[in-house]
Amino acid sequence: MKIFRFTPVFLAIFFLTSCAGRKPAPINLLQVPYSPITAERDEVVSLPTEGARSEVEVGQSMVSTALRSTTPAIETKMDIVHKSERMGLNSVTFRAGKFYLSGENREGKFYRSSNEVLLSRATTSRVVGGLFIPNQTNNPTKVYWFPHPNSRNPDADDHPSIDYKATTVERWGSTSFKRELVYSGVSQNTISILYREFKDDMARPAFSQELKYDLAQGRSIGYRGARFEIERATNISITFKVLKSLD
């Protein structure tokens, strides 16, 4: 019976060979400080805008007010798939589209993806994440994501030369105080328009007013600073141009 003896040299070679066949374990990613911010700018606007030509049917608003919220953003045209030695076999994918400003630290700004972010580990999960744009242009851009829903600071990794352009994200909502002019129809050559006001989505009947305009006296009409050029009016619809919005 032969007895095999393992010499120190043999054990060293076996150890090195085994290690060479393994992939290096992923290094922990850098957690970066993150301070959430609200960058939305709200303004009340009139619709349609001045100079616009519009057509509405009986019972629809000729002009009304709305709340527009605008947030600074960046936009990419292509998906970003990020892999690195830091991540080992993991990857994170950011869909093309808009990324809106959501946070900052002293080194730059965080733009959160408006689309889903896919983190691939043993399984694929959806996470919150986006792009980090440094204040100093000679520093690399990064990708970031929150590994868990309760994470306060995101994981981040360098992803240089991300191709993006500056843009904005707009959201529309209703204002607490709303005014509108509603087309009511036409009789012979006289059109009827209803003025209405709303406070917190509740109508204010005391401020409603029925308006009538004889188009034989001219195609330009006005009310409370608003000016319209009437092009065509029927008992189905009215076509007009907004010369000036409500004051």
Foldseek 3Di string as FASTA:
>chain_A
DDDDDQDPVNVVVVVVVVVVPDQDDAAAFDWDAKDWDDQKDKDKDKPPDAQDKDKDWAFDFPMKIWIKIKFKKKFADAKDKDDDSNHGPKIKIAGGTIFTWTIADPFFTFTWHPDWMWIADVHIDTWTWGKTDTPDNVDAIKTWTQPDPPDNTIGIDGDGDGDIGIDMDMDIGHDQKMWTKGWHADDPQKTKIKIWIHGNNHTDVVPIDIDIDRCVVHQWDDDQFWIWRWDDGHNTMTIIGTNTHHD
